[in-house]
Amino acid sequence: MANNNYDLEERTAKFSENVIDFIKSVNRNPLNDSVLRRLIRSATSVGENYCEENNASSK
């Protein structure tokens, strides 16, 4: 039962969207490109991991 004030699924999705928007605003170049790729992978994996854990058959 999710509490609307503490809905982690929604919060992690919003976090991922915010990071993606931030990365779109950064001027990419060879020096920061690998860091930005790692940032987007780690930021989006937070929500993915939460959903996977939340939907696990045993808790």
N, C-alpha and C. Protein backbone atom coordinates (compact mmCIF):
# COMPACT_ATOMS: atom_id res chain seq x y z
N MET A 1 0.85 -1.17 0.00
CA MET A 1 0.00 0.00 0.00
C MET A 1 0.90 1.24 0.00
N ALA A 2 0.83 2.01 -1.05
CA ALA A 2 1.71 3.16 -1.21
C ALA A 2 1.08 4.41 -0.59
N ASN A 3 1.89 5.11 0.13
CA ASN A 3 1.49 6.40 0.70
C ASN A 3 1.85 7.47 -0.33
N ASN A 4 0.90 8.30 -0.72
CA ASN A 4 1.15 9.30 -1.76
C ASN A 4 2.26 10.28 -1.38
N ASN A 5 2.49 10.50 -0.10
CA ASN A 5 3.55 11.41 0.32
C ASN A 5 4.93 10.76 0.21
N TYR A 6 4.96 9.44 0.06
CA TYR A 6 6.23 8.73 0.06
C TYR A 6 6.23 7.67 -1.04
N ASP A 7 5.70 8.00 -2.21
CA ASP A 7 5.60 7.07 -3.32
C ASP A 7 6.96 6.96 -4.02
N LEU A 8 7.74 5.96 -3.61
CA LEU A 8 9.10 5.83 -4.14
C LEU A 8 9.12 5.54 -5.63
N GLU A 9 8.14 4.81 -6.12
CA GLU A 9 8.11 4.53 -7.55
C GLU A 9 7.98 5.84 -8.34
N GLU A 10 7.09 6.70 -7.93
CA GLU A 10 6.91 7.99 -8.59
C GLU A 10 8.14 8.89 -8.40
N ARG A 11 8.68 8.88 -7.20
CA ARG A 11 9.85 9.74 -6.91
C ARG A 11 11.07 9.31 -7.70
N THR A 12 11.30 8.00 -7.83
CA THR A 12 12.46 7.54 -8.59
C THR A 12 12.28 7.82 -10.08
N ALA A 13 11.05 7.72 -10.58
CA ALA A 13 10.79 8.06 -11.98
C ALA A 13 11.05 9.55 -12.22
N LYS A 14 10.60 10.39 -11.32
CA LYS A 14 10.81 11.84 -11.44
C LYS A 14 12.30 12.18 -11.35
N PHE A 15 13.01 11.49 -10.47
CA PHE A 15 14.46 11.70 -10.35
C PHE A 15 15.15 11.38 -11.68
N SER A 16 14.79 10.25 -12.28
CA SER A 16 15.38 9.87 -13.56
C SER A 16 15.09 10.91 -14.63
N GLU A 17 13.85 11.38 -14.68
CA GLU A 17 13.47 12.42 -15.65
C GLU A 17 14.27 13.70 -15.44
N ASN A 18 14.46 14.08 -14.18
CA ASN A 18 15.23 15.29 -13.88
C ASN A 18 16.69 15.15 -14.31
N VAL A 19 17.27 13.98 -14.08
CA VAL A 19 18.66 13.76 -14.49
C VAL A 19 18.77 13.79 -16.01
N ILE A 20 17.82 13.18 -16.70
CA ILE A 20 17.83 13.21 -18.17
C ILE A 20 17.72 14.64 -18.67
N ASP A 21 16.85 15.43 -18.09
CA ASP A 21 16.73 16.84 -18.48
C ASP A 21 18.04 17.59 -18.22
N PHE A 22 18.68 17.30 -17.09
CA PHE A 22 19.96 17.94 -16.79
C PHE A 22 21.01 17.58 -17.84
N ILE A 23 21.09 16.30 -18.17
CA ILE A 23 22.10 15.85 -19.13
C ILE A 23 21.86 16.49 -20.50
N LYS A 24 20.59 16.65 -20.87
CA LYS A 24 20.29 17.32 -22.14
C LYS A 24 20.77 18.77 -22.15
N SER A 25 20.85 19.39 -20.98
CA SER A 25 21.25 20.80 -20.92
C SER A 25 22.76 20.99 -20.89
N VAL A 26 23.51 19.92 -20.68
CA VAL A 26 24.97 20.01 -20.59
C VAL A 26 25.57 19.94 -21.98
N ASN A 27 26.55 20.79 -22.24
CA ASN A 27 27.30 20.73 -23.50
C ASN A 27 28.20 19.51 -23.45
N ARG A 28 27.93 18.55 -24.32
CA ARG A 28 28.70 17.31 -24.31
C ARG A 28 29.98 17.49 -25.11
N ASN A 29 31.03 16.86 -24.61
CA ASN A 29 32.31 16.87 -25.30
C ASN A 29 33.04 15.57 -24.93
N PRO A 30 34.15 15.28 -25.57
CA PRO A 30 34.85 14.02 -25.29
C PRO A 30 35.27 13.85 -23.82
N LEU A 31 35.49 14.95 -23.11
CA LEU A 31 35.92 14.85 -21.72
C LEU A 31 34.80 14.45 -20.77
N ASN A 32 33.59 14.91 -21.03
CA ASN A 32 32.51 14.61 -20.08
C ASN A 32 31.52 13.56 -20.60
N ASP A 33 31.69 13.09 -21.82
CA ASP A 33 30.72 12.17 -22.41
C ASP A 33 30.60 10.86 -21.62
N SER A 34 31.71 10.27 -21.24
CA SER A 34 31.63 8.99 -20.51
C SER A 34 31.01 9.18 -19.13
N VAL A 35 31.28 10.30 -18.50
CA VAL A 35 30.69 10.57 -17.18
C VAL A 35 29.18 10.75 -17.31
N LEU A 36 28.74 11.46 -18.33
CA LEU A 36 27.31 11.66 -18.53
C LEU A 36 26.60 10.34 -18.85
N ARG A 37 27.24 9.48 -19.62
CA ARG A 37 26.63 8.17 -19.91
C ARG A 37 26.49 7.35 -18.63
N ARG A 38 27.51 7.37 -17.78
CA ARG A 38 27.44 6.64 -16.51
C ARG A 38 26.38 7.25 -15.60
N LEU A 39 26.27 8.56 -15.60
CA LEU A 39 25.28 9.23 -14.77
C LEU A 39 23.86 8.83 -15.17
N ILE A 40 23.58 8.81 -16.46
CA ILE A 40 22.23 8.46 -16.89
C ILE A 40 21.93 7.00 -16.60
N ARG A 41 22.92 6.11 -16.75
CA ARG A 41 22.68 4.70 -16.45
C ARG A 41 22.40 4.50 -14.97
N SER A 42 23.18 5.14 -14.12
CA SER A 42 22.97 4.96 -12.68
C SER A 42 21.69 5.63 -12.20
N ALA A 43 21.36 6.79 -12.75
CA ALA A 43 20.15 7.49 -12.32
C ALA A 43 18.89 6.73 -12.71
N THR A 44 18.88 6.13 -13.89
CA THR A 44 17.70 5.40 -14.33
C THR A 44 17.62 4.01 -13.70
N SER A 45 18.74 3.48 -13.26
CA SER A 45 18.71 2.14 -12.65
C SER A 45 18.10 2.17 -11.25
N VAL A 46 18.08 3.31 -10.60
CA VAL A 46 17.49 3.42 -9.26
C VAL A 46 16.03 3.01 -9.30
N GLY A 47 15.27 3.59 -10.19
CA GLY A 47 13.85 3.25 -10.32
C GLY A 47 13.63 1.83 -10.78
N GLU A 48 14.47 1.40 -11.70
CA GLU A 48 14.37 0.02 -12.21
C GLU A 48 14.60 -0.99 -11.09
N ASN A 49 15.63 -0.75 -10.29
CA ASN A 49 15.92 -1.66 -9.17
C ASN A 49 14.81 -1.63 -8.12
N TYR A 50 14.27 -0.45 -7.86
CA TYR A 50 13.19 -0.36 -6.89
C TYR A 50 11.97 -1.15 -7.36
N CYS A 51 11.58 -0.97 -8.62
CA CYS A 51 10.41 -1.69 -9.14
C CYS A 51 10.64 -3.19 -9.13
N GLU A 52 11.83 -3.61 -9.48
CA GLU A 52 12.14 -5.04 -9.48
C GLU A 52 12.04 -5.61 -8.06
N GLU A 53 12.59 -4.91 -7.10
CA GLU A 53 12.54 -5.36 -5.71
C GLU A 53 11.12 -5.33 -5.17
N ASN A 54 10.38 -4.30 -5.51
CA ASN A 54 9.02 -4.14 -5.02
C ASN A 54 8.10 -5.24 -5.56
N ASN A 55 8.37 -5.72 -6.76
CA ASN A 55 7.55 -6.73 -7.39
C ASN A 55 8.06 -8.15 -7.15
N ALA A 56 9.08 -8.31 -6.34
CA ALA A 56 9.63 -9.64 -6.07
C ALA A 56 8.60 -10.51 -5.37
N SER A 57 8.67 -11.80 -5.64
CA SER A 57 7.67 -12.72 -5.07
C SER A 57 7.87 -12.92 -3.58
N SER A 58 9.12 -12.86 -3.10
CA SER A 58 9.35 -12.96 -1.66
C SER A 58 9.98 -11.67 -1.18
N LYS A 59 9.56 -11.21 -0.02
CA LYS A 59 10.04 -9.91 0.48
C LYS A 59 10.93 -10.11 1.68
